C-alpha atoms as a PDB file:
ATOM      1  CA  MET A   1       7.271  48.943  30.850  1.00  0.00           C
ATOM      2  CA  TRP A   2       6.440  45.509  32.274  1.00  0.00           C
ATOM      3  CA  ASN A   3       5.530  45.161  35.912  1.00  0.00           C
ATOM      4  CA  ARG A   4       7.050  42.495  38.133  1.00  0.00           C
ATOM      5  CA  ARG A   5       4.136  40.070  37.626  1.00  0.00           C
ATOM      6  CA  GLU A   6       4.365  40.367  33.812  1.00  0.00           C
ATOM      7  CA  LEU A   7       8.117  39.767  33.992  1.00  0.00           C
ATOM      8  CA  MET A   8       7.570  36.644  36.080  1.00  0.00           C
ATOM      9  CA  LEU A   9       4.907  35.337  33.680  1.00  0.00           C
ATOM     10  CA  ARG A  10       7.067  36.016  30.625  1.00  0.00           C
ATOM     11  CA  SER A  11      10.062  34.366  32.292  1.00  0.00           C
ATOM     12  CA  ALA A  12       7.956  31.348  33.083  1.00  0.00           C
ATOM     13  CA  GLY A  13       6.751  31.240  29.499  1.00  0.00           C
ATOM     14  CA  LEU A  14      10.283  31.432  28.122  1.00  0.00           C
ATOM     15  CA  SER A  15      11.372  28.697  30.502  1.00  0.00           C
ATOM     16  CA  ALA A  16       8.504  26.494  29.297  1.00  0.00           C
ATOM     17  CA  LEU A  17       9.447  27.121  25.675  1.00  0.00           C
ATOM     18  CA  ALA A  18      13.066  26.332  26.433  1.00  0.00           C
ATOM     19  CA  SER A  19      12.006  23.150  28.193  1.00  0.00           C
ATOM     20  CA  LEU A  20       9.818  22.199  25.219  1.00  0.00           C
ATOM     21  CA  GLY A  21      12.728  22.852  22.876  1.00  0.00           C
ATOM     22  CA  LEU A  22      14.994  20.609  24.948  1.00  0.00           C
ATOM     23  CA  GLN A  23      12.291  17.935  25.021  1.00  0.00           C
ATOM     24  CA  ARG A  24      11.964  18.041  21.238  1.00  0.00           C
ATOM     25  CA  LEU A  25      15.717  17.886  20.907  1.00  0.00           C
ATOM     26  CA  ALA A  26      15.788  14.860  23.198  1.00  0.00           C
ATOM     27  CA  GLN A  27      13.059  13.221  21.116  1.00  0.00           C
ATOM     28  CA  ALA A  28      14.749  14.042  17.833  1.00  0.00           C
ATOM     29  CA  GLN A  29      16.822  10.878  17.881  1.00  0.00           C
ATOM     30  CA  LEU A  30      16.238   7.498  19.443  1.00  0.00           C
ATOM     31  CA  ASN A  31      19.231   5.712  20.851  1.00  0.00           C
ATOM     32  CA  GLY A  32      20.134   2.643  18.867  1.00  0.00           C
ATOM     33  CA  THR A  33      19.491   1.327  15.383  1.00  0.00           C
ATOM     34  CA  ALA A  34      15.997   1.648  13.970  1.00  0.00           C
ATOM     35  CA  ALA A  35      14.850  -0.829  11.318  1.00  0.00           C
ATOM     36  CA  ILE A  36      12.161  -0.381   8.687  1.00  0.00           C
ATOM     37  CA  VAL A  37      10.952  -3.958   8.285  1.00  0.00           C
ATOM     38  CA  SER A  38       9.422  -4.871   4.922  1.00  0.00           C
ATOM     39  CA  GLY A  39       7.585  -8.095   4.203  1.00  0.00           C
ATOM     40  CA  PHE A  40       8.719  -8.256   0.587  1.00  0.00           C
ATOM     41  CA  PRO A  41      12.049  -8.731  -1.212  1.00  0.00           C
ATOM     42  CA  ALA A  42      14.556  -5.940  -1.678  1.00  0.00           C
ATOM     43  CA  GLY A  43      14.403  -4.119  -4.996  1.00  0.00           C
ATOM     44  CA  GLY A  44      10.599  -3.972  -5.208  1.00  0.00           C
ATOM     45  CA  MET A  45       8.020  -1.265  -4.693  1.00  0.00           C
ATOM     46  CA  GLY A  46       8.555  -1.148  -0.937  1.00  0.00           C
ATOM     47  CA  ASP A  47      12.244  -0.391  -1.380  1.00  0.00           C
ATOM     48  CA  ASN A  48      11.407   2.499  -3.683  1.00  0.00           C
ATOM     49  CA  VAL A  49       9.672   4.119  -0.731  1.00  0.00           C
ATOM     50  CA  ALA A  50      11.543   2.854   2.318  1.00  0.00           C
ATOM     51  CA  ARG A  51      15.137   3.531   1.289  1.00  0.00           C
ATOM     52  CA  PRO A  52      14.738   7.185   0.232  1.00  0.00           C
ATOM     53  CA  VAL A  53      12.673   7.898   3.362  1.00  0.00           C
ATOM     54  CA  ALA A  54      15.271   6.102   5.494  1.00  0.00           C
ATOM     55  CA  GLU A  55      17.946   8.399   4.098  1.00  0.00           C
ATOM     56  CA  LYS A  56      15.938  11.442   5.141  1.00  0.00           C
ATOM     57  CA  LEU A  57      15.166  10.032   8.612  1.00  0.00           C
ATOM     58  CA  ARG A  58      18.699   8.894   9.385  1.00  0.00           C
ATOM     59  CA  GLY A  59      20.223  11.138  12.030  1.00  0.00           C
ATOM     60  CA  HIS A  60      16.855  12.705  12.846  1.00  0.00           C
ATOM     61  CA  TYR A  61      14.712   9.812  14.078  1.00  0.00           C
ATOM     62  CA  ALA A  62      17.442   7.448  15.247  1.00  0.00           C
ATOM     63  CA  ASN A  63      21.223   7.355  15.339  1.00  0.00           C
ATOM     64  CA  THR A  64      21.224   4.651  12.679  1.00  0.00           C
ATOM     65  CA  LEU A  65      18.381   3.516  10.433  1.00  0.00           C
ATOM     66  CA  VAL A  66      18.335   0.453   8.160  1.00  0.00           C
ATOM     67  CA  VAL A  67      15.854  -1.231   5.818  1.00  0.00           C
ATOM     68  CA  GLU A  68      15.354  -4.921   6.507  1.00  0.00           C
ATOM     69  CA  SER A  69      13.422  -7.510   4.466  1.00  0.00           C
ATOM     70  CA  ARG A  70      11.650 -10.335   6.281  1.00  0.00           C
ATOM     71  CA  THR A  71       9.910 -12.050   3.419  1.00  0.00           C
ATOM     72  CA  GLY A  72       7.411 -14.858   3.212  1.00  0.00           C
ATOM     73  CA  ALA A  73       3.756 -15.725   3.744  1.00  0.00           C
ATOM     74  CA  GLY A  74       2.562 -12.730   1.763  1.00  0.00           C
ATOM     75  CA  GLY A  75       4.007 -10.255   4.242  1.00  0.00           C
ATOM     76  CA  ARG A  76       2.722 -12.002   7.372  1.00  0.00           C
ATOM     77  CA  ILE A  77       6.194 -12.935   8.644  1.00  0.00           C
ATOM     78  CA  ALA A  78       7.193  -9.263   8.797  1.00  0.00           C
ATOM     79  CA  VAL A  79       3.914  -8.335  10.486  1.00  0.00           C
ATOM     80  CA  GLU A  80       4.365 -11.033  13.136  1.00  0.00           C
ATOM     81  CA  TYR A  81       7.988  -9.984  13.715  1.00  0.00           C
ATOM     82  CA  VAL A  82       7.102  -6.355  14.378  1.00  0.00           C
ATOM     83  CA  LYS A  83       4.189  -7.352  16.583  1.00  0.00           C
ATOM     84  CA  ARG A  84       6.660  -9.120  18.915  1.00  0.00           C
ATOM     85  CA  ALA A  85       9.178  -6.248  18.917  1.00  0.00           C
ATOM     86  CA  ALA A  86       9.690  -3.925  21.875  1.00  0.00           C
ATOM     87  CA  PRO A  87       7.475  -0.806  21.742  1.00  0.00           C
ATOM     88  CA  ASP A  88      10.478   1.507  21.758  1.00  0.00           C
ATOM     89  CA  GLY A  89      10.049   2.954  18.264  1.00  0.00           C
ATOM     90  CA  LEU A  90      13.076   1.143  16.839  1.00  0.00           C
ATOM     91  CA  THR A  91      11.159  -1.495  14.859  1.00  0.00           C
ATOM     92  CA  ILE A  92       8.961  -0.045  12.113  1.00  0.00           C
ATOM     93  CA  LEU A  93       6.660  -2.097   9.911  1.00  0.00           C
ATOM     94  CA  GLN A  94       6.193  -1.041   6.291  1.00  0.00           C
ATOM     95  CA  ILE A  95       3.415  -3.088   4.752  1.00  0.00           C
ATOM     96  CA  PRO A  96       0.796  -2.883   1.969  1.00  0.00           C
ATOM     97  CA  SER A  97      -2.797  -2.732   3.085  1.00  0.00           C
ATOM     98  CA  SER A  98      -3.745  -6.354   2.320  1.00  0.00           C
ATOM     99  CA  PRO A  99      -2.000  -8.064   5.272  1.00  0.00           C
ATOM    100  CA  MET A 100      -3.693  -5.597   7.619  1.00  0.00           C
ATOM    101  CA  VAL A 101      -7.196  -5.238   6.190  1.00  0.00           C
ATOM    102  CA  LEU A 102      -7.767  -8.153   3.779  1.00  0.00           C
ATOM    103  CA  TYR A 103      -5.970 -11.176   5.261  1.00  0.00           C
ATOM    104  CA  PRO A 104      -7.992 -11.112   8.503  1.00  0.00           C
ATOM    105  CA  HIS A 105     -11.032 -12.053   6.403  1.00  0.00           C
ATOM    106  CA  THR A 106      -9.365 -14.659   4.158  1.00  0.00           C
ATOM    107  CA  TYR A 107      -7.293 -16.648   6.663  1.00  0.00           C
ATOM    108  CA  LYS A 108      -9.101 -18.704   9.264  1.00  0.00           C
ATOM    109  CA  LYS A 109      -6.374 -17.955  11.791  1.00  0.00           C
ATOM    110  CA  LEU A 110      -3.840 -15.147  12.017  1.00  0.00           C
ATOM    111  CA  SER A 111      -1.225 -14.762  14.727  1.00  0.00           C
ATOM    112  CA  TYR A 112      -1.819 -11.012  14.861  1.00  0.00           C
ATOM    113  CA  ASP A 113      -4.706  -8.591  15.242  1.00  0.00           C
ATOM    114  CA  PRO A 114      -4.102  -5.622  12.918  1.00  0.00           C
ATOM    115  CA  LEU A 115      -6.349  -3.336  14.936  1.00  0.00           C
ATOM    116  CA  ALA A 116      -5.020  -4.213  18.407  1.00  0.00           C
ATOM    117  CA  ASP A 117      -1.382  -5.215  17.986  1.00  0.00           C
ATOM    118  CA  PHE A 118      -0.082  -2.103  16.222  1.00  0.00           C
ATOM    119  CA  ALA A 119       0.096   1.654  16.495  1.00  0.00           C
ATOM    120  CA  PRO A 120      -0.708   3.133  13.069  1.00  0.00           C
ATOM    121  CA  VAL A 121       1.849   5.800  12.150  1.00  0.00           C
ATOM    122  CA  CYS A 122       0.983   7.012   8.650  1.00  0.00           C
ATOM    123  CA  SER A 123       0.259   6.084   5.093  1.00  0.00           C
ATOM    124  CA  THR A 124       3.041   6.848   2.624  1.00  0.00           C
ATOM    125  CA  VAL A 125       1.816   6.120  -0.896  1.00  0.00           C
ATOM    126  CA  THR A 126      -1.242   4.820  -2.664  1.00  0.00           C
ATOM    127  CA  TYR A 127      -1.469   2.886  -5.924  1.00  0.00           C
ATOM    128  CA  ALA A 128      -4.194   1.508  -8.142  1.00  0.00           C
ATOM    129  CA  PHE A 129      -4.414  -1.546 -10.376  1.00  0.00           C
ATOM    130  CA  SER A 130      -4.728  -1.924 -14.113  1.00  0.00           C
ATOM    131  CA  PHE A 131      -6.901  -4.531 -15.823  1.00  0.00           C
ATOM    132  CA  THR A 132      -4.317  -5.199 -18.493  1.00  0.00           C
ATOM    133  CA  ALA A 133      -4.509  -6.911 -21.885  1.00  0.00           C
ATOM    134  CA  GLY A 134      -1.560  -8.358 -23.754  1.00  0.00           C
ATOM    135  CA  PRO A 135      -1.073  -9.986 -27.162  1.00  0.00           C
ATOM    136  CA  GLY A 136      -3.012 -13.034 -25.952  1.00  0.00           C
ATOM    137  CA  LEU A 137      -6.255 -11.042 -26.243  1.00  0.00           C
ATOM    138  CA  PRO A 138      -7.547 -10.020 -29.686  1.00  0.00           C
ATOM    139  CA  ALA A 139      -6.235  -6.536 -30.496  1.00  0.00           C
ATOM    140  CA  GLU A 140      -9.678  -5.118 -31.279  1.00  0.00           C
ATOM    141  CA  ILE A 141     -10.780  -5.527 -27.622  1.00  0.00           C
ATOM    142  CA  LYS A 142     -10.233  -2.146 -25.967  1.00  0.00           C
ATOM    143  CA  THR A 143     -12.836  -1.907 -23.169  1.00  0.00           C
ATOM    144  CA  VAL A 144     -14.160  -3.963 -20.291  1.00  0.00           C
ATOM    145  CA  ALA A 145     -17.508  -4.407 -22.072  1.00  0.00           C
ATOM    146  CA  GLU A 146     -15.743  -5.823 -25.118  1.00  0.00           C
ATOM    147  CA  TYR A 147     -13.713  -8.142 -22.914  1.00  0.00           C
ATOM    148  CA  VAL A 148     -16.852  -9.384 -21.128  1.00  0.00           C
ATOM    149  CA  ALA A 149     -18.487 -10.182 -24.484  1.00  0.00           C
ATOM    150  CA  TRP A 150     -15.329 -12.041 -25.558  1.00  0.00           C
ATOM    151  CA  ALA A 151     -15.167 -13.952 -22.265  1.00  0.00           C
ATOM    152  CA  LYS A 152     -18.796 -15.051 -22.600  1.00  0.00           C
ATOM    153  CA  ALA A 153     -18.074 -16.315 -26.102  1.00  0.00           C
ATOM    154  CA  ASN A 154     -14.774 -17.958 -25.078  1.00  0.00           C
ATOM    155  CA  PRO A 155     -15.169 -19.165 -21.471  1.00  0.00           C
ATOM    156  CA  LYS A 156     -12.333 -21.698 -21.740  1.00  0.00           C
ATOM    157  CA  LEU A 157      -9.905 -18.935 -22.751  1.00  0.00           C
ATOM    158  CA  ALA A 158     -10.998 -16.420 -20.117  1.00  0.00           C
ATOM    159  CA  ASN A 159      -8.018 -16.777 -17.809  1.00  0.00           C
ATOM    160  CA  TYR A 160      -6.616 -13.828 -15.906  1.00  0.00           C
ATOM    161  CA  GLY A 161      -3.300 -13.560 -14.153  1.00  0.00           C
ATOM    162  CA  VAL A 162      -2.696 -12.201 -10.658  1.00  0.00           C
ATOM    163  CA  PRO A 163       0.621 -11.854  -8.814  1.00  0.00           C
ATOM    164  CA  ALA A 164      -0.616 -13.836  -5.802  1.00  0.00           C
ATOM    165  CA  SER A 165      -3.641 -15.863  -4.781  1.00  0.00           C
ATOM    166  CA  GLY A 166      -5.826 -14.048  -2.270  1.00  0.00           C
ATOM    167  CA  SER A 167      -4.298 -10.659  -3.056  1.00  0.00           C
ATOM    168  CA  ALA A 168      -6.356  -7.511  -3.572  1.00  0.00           C
ATOM    169  CA  LEU A 169      -5.678  -7.898  -7.305  1.00  0.00           C
ATOM    170  CA  HIS A 170      -7.167 -11.400  -7.170  1.00  0.00           C
ATOM    171  CA  PHE A 171     -10.255 -10.011  -5.487  1.00  0.00           C
ATOM    172  CA  ALA A 172     -10.574  -7.317  -8.146  1.00  0.00           C
ATOM    173  CA  GLY A 173     -10.833 -10.155 -10.671  1.00  0.00           C
ATOM    174  CA  MET A 174     -13.373 -12.064  -8.591  1.00  0.00           C
ATOM    175  CA  MET A 175     -15.455  -8.925  -8.160  1.00  0.00           C
ATOM    176  CA  LEU A 176     -15.465  -8.338 -11.929  1.00  0.00           C
ATOM    177  CA  GLN A 177     -16.389 -11.964 -12.600  1.00  0.00           C
ATOM    178  CA  LYS A 178     -19.344 -11.784 -10.223  1.00  0.00           C
ATOM    179  CA  ALA A 179     -20.553  -8.371 -11.395  1.00  0.00           C
ATOM    180  CA  ALA A 180     -20.304  -9.264 -15.091  1.00  0.00           C
ATOM    181  CA  GLY A 181     -21.767 -12.736 -14.695  1.00  0.00           C
ATOM    182  CA  ILE A 182     -18.908 -14.437 -16.530  1.00  0.00           C
ATOM    183  CA  GLU A 183     -16.648 -17.406 -15.894  1.00  0.00           C
ATOM    184  CA  MET A 184     -13.025 -16.392 -15.383  1.00  0.00           C
ATOM    185  CA  THR A 185     -10.194 -18.572 -14.139  1.00  0.00           C
ATOM    186  CA  ALA A 186      -7.531 -16.946 -11.973  1.00  0.00           C
ATOM    187  CA  VAL A 187      -3.936 -17.939 -12.640  1.00  0.00           C
ATOM    188  CA  ALA A 188      -1.832 -17.059  -9.602  1.00  0.00           C
ATOM    189  CA  TYR A 189       1.869 -16.294  -9.990  1.00  0.00           C
ATOM    190  CA  ARG A 190       4.689 -15.831  -7.494  1.00  0.00           C
ATOM    191  CA  GLY A 191       4.976 -12.095  -7.879  1.00  0.00           C
ATOM    192  CA  GLY A 192       4.425  -9.400 -10.449  1.00  0.00           C
ATOM    193  CA  ALA A 193       7.563 -10.039 -12.552  1.00  0.00           C
ATOM    194  CA  PRO A 194       6.719 -13.571 -13.778  1.00  0.00           C
ATOM    195  CA  LEU A 195       3.119 -12.502 -14.352  1.00  0.00           C
ATOM    196  CA  LEU A 196       4.251  -9.559 -16.471  1.00  0.00           C
ATOM    197  CA  ASN A 197       6.450 -11.865 -18.554  1.00  0.00           C
ATOM    198  CA  ASP A 198       3.515 -14.150 -19.365  1.00  0.00           C
ATOM    199  CA  VAL A 199       1.111 -11.295 -20.170  1.00  0.00           C
ATOM    200  CA  MET A 200       3.641  -9.752 -22.525  1.00  0.00           C
ATOM    201  CA  GLY A 201       4.328 -13.168 -24.026  1.00  0.00           C
ATOM    202  CA  GLY A 202       0.638 -13.888 -24.621  1.00  0.00           C
ATOM    203  CA  GLN A 203       0.496 -16.929 -22.328  1.00  0.00           C
ATOM    204  CA  VAL A 204      -2.272 -15.284 -20.301  1.00  0.00           C
ATOM    205  CA  PRO A 205      -4.629 -12.880 -22.141  1.00  0.00           C
ATOM    206  CA  VAL A 206      -5.351 -10.414 -19.321  1.00  0.00           C
ATOM    207  CA  SER A 207      -4.126  -9.678 -15.836  1.00  0.00           C
ATOM    208  CA  PHE A 208      -4.563  -7.411 -12.858  1.00  0.00           C
ATOM    209  CA  ASN A 209      -1.347  -5.532 -12.162  1.00  0.00           C
ATOM    210  CA  VAL A 210      -0.056  -2.719 -10.024  1.00  0.00           C
ATOM    211  CA  ILE A 211      -0.044   0.292 -12.372  1.00  0.00           C
ATOM    212  CA  GLY A 212       3.641   1.007 -11.913  1.00  0.00           C
ATOM    213  CA  GLU A 213       4.614  -2.434 -13.239  1.00  0.00           C
ATOM    214  CA  VAL A 214       2.743  -2.100 -16.521  1.00  0.00           C
ATOM    215  CA  MET A 215       2.732   1.672 -17.061  1.00  0.00           C
ATOM    216  CA  PRO A 216       5.917   1.803 -19.209  1.00  0.00           C
ATOM    217  CA  HIS A 217       4.676  -1.044 -21.419  1.00  0.00           C
ATOM    218  CA  ILE A 218       1.245   0.540 -21.831  1.00  0.00           C
ATOM    219  CA  LYS A 219       2.812   3.849 -22.849  1.00  0.00           C
ATOM    220  CA  ALA A 220       5.074   1.989 -25.284  1.00  0.00           C
ATOM    221  CA  GLY A 221       2.050   0.290 -26.878  1.00  0.00           C
ATOM    222  CA  LYS A 222       3.122  -3.229 -25.909  1.00  0.00           C
ATOM    223  CA  LEU A 223       0.220  -3.663 -23.486  1.00  0.00           C
ATOM    224  CA  ARG A 224      -3.122  -1.903 -23.122  1.00  0.00           C
ATOM    225  CA  SER A 225      -5.187  -1.133 -20.054  1.00  0.00           C
ATOM    226  CA  LEU A 226      -8.889  -1.952 -20.296  1.00  0.00           C
ATOM    227  CA  GLY A 227      -9.676  -0.189 -17.054  1.00  0.00           C
ATOM    228  CA  ILE A 228      -8.354   1.143 -13.759  1.00  0.00           C
ATOM    229  CA  THR A 229      -9.604  -0.179 -10.422  1.00  0.00           C
ATOM    230  CA  SER A 230      -9.482   3.051  -8.391  1.00  0.00           C
ATOM    231  CA  ALA A 231     -12.510   5.257  -7.766  1.00  0.00           C
ATOM    232  CA  GLN A 232     -10.984   8.055  -9.840  1.00  0.00           C
ATOM    233  CA  ARG A 233      -8.819   7.927 -12.937  1.00  0.00           C
ATOM    234  CA  SER A 234      -5.128   7.465 -12.335  1.00  0.00           C
ATOM    235  CA  ILE A 235      -2.958  10.556 -12.699  1.00  0.00           C
ATOM    236  CA  PHE A 236      -0.428   8.270 -14.391  1.00  0.00           C
ATOM    237  CA  LEU A 237      -2.830   6.881 -17.031  1.00  0.00           C
ATOM    238  CA  PRO A 238      -5.498   9.604 -17.221  1.00  0.00           C
ATOM    239  CA  GLU A 239      -6.749   8.432 -20.608  1.00  0.00           C
ATOM    240  CA  VAL A 240      -7.876   5.058 -19.214  1.00  0.00           C
ATOM    241  CA  PRO A 241     -11.404   4.975 -17.713  1.00  0.00           C
ATOM    242  CA  THR A 242     -12.045   3.315 -14.371  1.00  0.00           C
ATOM    243  CA  LEU A 243     -14.100   0.151 -14.014  1.00  0.00           C
ATOM    244  CA  MET A 244     -16.636   2.281 -12.167  1.00  0.00           C
ATOM    245  CA  GLU A 245     -16.959   4.561 -15.197  1.00  0.00           C
ATOM    246  CA  GLN A 246     -17.531   1.491 -17.334  1.00  0.00           C
ATOM    247  CA  GLY A 247     -20.543   0.381 -15.310  1.00  0.00           C
ATOM    248  CA  TYR A 248     -19.031  -1.570 -12.413  1.00  0.00           C
ATOM    249  CA  LYS A 249     -19.959   0.792  -9.614  1.00  0.00           C
ATOM    250  CA  ASP A 250     -18.829  -1.460  -6.754  1.00  0.00           C
ATOM    251  CA  ILE A 251     -15.337  -2.174  -8.050  1.00  0.00           C
ATOM    252  CA  ALA A 252     -13.106   0.414  -6.428  1.00  0.00           C
ATOM    253  CA  VAL A 253      -9.912  -1.268  -5.261  1.00  0.00           C
ATOM    254  CA  GLN A 254      -6.829   0.709  -4.377  1.00  0.00           C
ATOM    255  CA  GLU A 255      -4.017  -0.174  -1.994  1.00  0.00           C
ATOM    256  CA  TRP A 256      -1.803   1.875   0.262  1.00  0.00           C
ATOM    257  CA  LEU A 257       1.599   1.351   1.764  1.00  0.00           C
ATOM    258  CA  GLY A 258       1.620   2.138   5.464  1.00  0.00           C
ATOM    259  CA  TRP A 259       3.931   2.357   8.465  1.00  0.00           C
ATOM    260  CA  PHE A 260       3.140   0.863  11.858  1.00  0.00           C
ATOM    261  CA  LEU A 261       4.860   0.517  15.221  1.00  0.00           C
ATOM    262  CA  PRO A 262       4.161  -2.122  17.872  1.00  0.00           C
ATOM    263  CA  ALA A 263       1.215  -1.441  20.157  1.00  0.00           C
ATOM    264  CA  LYS A 264       2.024   0.572  23.292  1.00  0.00           C
ATOM    265  CA  THR A 265       4.722   2.592  21.536  1.00  0.00           C
ATOM    266  CA  PRO A 266       4.634   6.053  23.183  1.00  0.00           C
ATOM    267  CA  ALA A 267       2.364   8.497  21.353  1.00  0.00           C
ATOM    268  CA  ALA A 268       5.179  11.056  21.195  1.00  0.00           C
ATOM    269  CA  THR A 269       7.349   8.588  19.277  1.00  0.00           C
ATOM    270  CA  VAL A 270       4.499   7.769  16.883  1.00  0.00           C
ATOM    271  CA  GLN A 271       3.941  11.471  16.215  1.00  0.00           C
ATOM    272  CA  GLN A 272       7.655  12.156  15.797  1.00  0.00           C
ATOM    273  CA  LEU A 273       7.949   9.461  13.123  1.00  0.00           C
ATOM    274  CA  ASN A 274       4.764  10.663  11.425  1.00  0.00           C
ATOM    275  CA  THR A 275       6.095  14.222  11.222  1.00  0.00           C
ATOM    276  CA  LEU A 276       9.434  13.168   9.757  1.00  0.00           C
ATOM    277  CA  VAL A 277       7.804  10.951   7.131  1.00  0.00           C
ATOM    278  CA  ARG A 278       5.494  13.811   6.161  1.00  0.00           C
ATOM    279  CA  GLU A 279       8.497  16.057   5.614  1.00  0.00           C
ATOM    280  CA  ALA A 280      10.150  13.395   3.442  1.00  0.00           C
ATOM    281  CA  LEU A 281       7.018  13.004   1.311  1.00  0.00           C
ATOM    282  CA  GLN A 282       6.958  16.754   0.642  1.00  0.00           C
ATOM    283  CA  ASP A 283      10.300  16.694  -1.172  1.00  0.00           C
ATOM    284  CA  PRO A 284       9.511  17.502  -4.858  1.00  0.00           C
ATOM    285  CA  ALA A 285      12.397  15.367  -6.130  1.00  0.00           C
ATOM    286  CA  PHE A 286      11.144  12.367  -4.150  1.00  0.00           C
ATOM    287  CA  VAL A 287       7.565  12.915  -5.354  1.00  0.00           C
ATOM    288  CA  ALA A 288       8.828  12.959  -8.958  1.00  0.00           C
ATOM    289  CA  GLN A 289      10.770   9.766  -8.317  1.00  0.00           C
ATOM    290  CA  LEU A 290       7.686   8.050  -6.883  1.00  0.00           C
ATOM    291  CA  ALA A 291       5.684   9.028  -9.976  1.00  0.00           C
ATOM    292  CA  THR A 292       8.026   6.971 -12.164  1.00  0.00           C
ATOM    293  CA  TYR A 293       6.843   3.921 -10.197  1.00  0.00           C
ATOM    294  CA  GLY A 294       3.151   4.836 -10.392  1.00  0.00           C
ATOM    295  CA  LEU A 295       3.077   5.744  -6.707  1.00  0.00           C
ATOM    296  CA  GLU A 296       1.209   8.766  -5.362  1.00  0.00           C
ATOM    297  CA  PRO A 297       2.274  10.142  -1.967  1.00  0.00           C
ATOM    298  CA  VAL A 298      -0.538  10.317   0.553  1.00  0.00           C
ATOM    299  CA  HIS A 299       0.226  11.301   4.121  1.00  0.00           C
ATOM    300  CA  GLN A 300      -2.217  11.051   7.011  1.00  0.00           C
ATOM    301  CA  SER A 301      -1.930  11.791  10.700  1.00  0.00           C
ATOM    302  CA  PRO A 302      -1.817   8.767  13.043  1.00  0.00           C
ATOM    303  CA  GLU A 303      -5.486   9.330  13.887  1.00  0.00           C
ATOM    304  CA  GLU A 304      -6.554   9.669  10.243  1.00  0.00           C
ATOM    305  CA  PHE A 305      -4.556   6.627   9.249  1.00  0.00           C
ATOM    306  CA  ALA A 306      -6.042   4.554  12.091  1.00  0.00           C
ATOM    307  CA  ARG A 307      -9.520   5.445  10.854  1.00  0.00           C
ATOM    308  CA  ARG A 308      -8.594   4.467   7.311  1.00  0.00           C
ATOM    309  CA  VAL A 309      -7.209   1.108   8.423  1.00  0.00           C
ATOM    310  CA  LYS A 310     -10.402   0.359  10.351  1.00  0.00           C
ATOM    311  CA  ALA A 311     -12.657   1.473   7.487  1.00  0.00           C
ATOM    312  CA  ASP A 312     -10.784  -0.669   4.946  1.00  0.00           C
ATOM    313  CA  TYR A 313     -10.823  -3.610   7.352  1.00  0.00           C
ATOM    314  CA  GLU A 314     -14.606  -3.341   7.671  1.00  0.00           C
ATOM    315  CA  ARG A 315     -15.115  -2.870   3.926  1.00  0.00           C
ATOM    316  CA  TRP A 316     -13.271  -6.057   2.948  1.00  0.00           C
ATOM    317  CA  GLY A 317     -15.289  -8.346   5.224  1.00  0.00           C
ATOM    318  CA  PRO A 318     -18.496  -8.508   3.154  1.00  0.00           C
ATOM    319  CA  ILE A 319     -16.537  -8.545  -0.126  1.00  0.00           C
ATOM    320  CA  VAL A 320     -14.602 -11.639   0.930  1.00  0.00           C
ATOM    321  CA  ARG A 321     -17.717 -13.362   2.262  1.00  0.00           C
ATOM    322  CA  ALA A 322     -19.529 -12.742  -1.036  1.00  0.00           C
ATOM    323  CA  THR A 323     -16.785 -14.563  -2.966  1.00  0.00           C
ATOM    324  CA  GLY A 324     -16.548 -17.489  -0.548  1.00  0.00           C
ATOM    325  CA  PHE A 325     -12.763 -17.400  -0.887  1.00  0.00           C
ATOM    326  CA  THR A 326     -10.561 -18.862   1.862  1.00  0.00           C
ATOM    327  CA  ALA A 327      -6.786 -18.543   1.832  1.00  0.00           C
ATOM    328  CA  GLU A 328      -4.558 -21.511   2.550  1.00  0.00           C
ATOM    329  CA  ASP A 329      -1.094 -21.471   4.104  1.00  0.00           C
END
């Protein structure tokens, strides 16, 4: 039998648990419409992540939740928009890593500080790049070493396509050029779709692409991957060796897609969103859907994600300085 003191303590404990339950219930939904703001057009990679997650968050995180595209300036317009938003948890930034960790080193001036103006919530997916060859490169060239030999013999033909100037894919090309001691000319496109068209058409011999864009064509034999830019082989193209395996030990470039809230957003709101996104990323059907796009789910706590953002930010500084590249508006 419990004595009076034990009964009082247990009653207090139950009251605390009840209060905590009510607090969680109150935090379960924000009042108003929440927006996941993407810096890139609808229908692309970001949509493949944001819209399914939005469906799972709707009615749990906020009364209403929408996905909104604010395109332009390589994602910077969306970043600036969310920076200015109220820190109430209703304006969520979904952005690839480059605007947060690469652009600060390539642009002389940015209107945002990625480390001070945002509350990191979580990473959602990660994706690597393929160094891809099309019909414009002789069919017998299958490896990076063979490409380097060809480029040295044909410097005027050694063009490589990238979906945007100053992107992480562009830097992967510059890093390879420097490490291999070859002359390569970057041809920048306005997005991955027109680049893919020209690689498949033979107008540009090689390119750096997000794996998901070229994976179906590689598997169909229409394109071939000479190497993968991640530190480990891709689970989507396991037969293709990395550039690191092929002797380029410093070329490990892989991007993530992350979620941020404006600085000063309450920590409880940040954690609530993090938890809900984690639950969405654990859905086997969603994971299988992401795999068709070459996307691998990777969830981190707010603290872990903040450390990753800072580490990537610090890593890109010396890489950019070594190339001498400066981005222009």
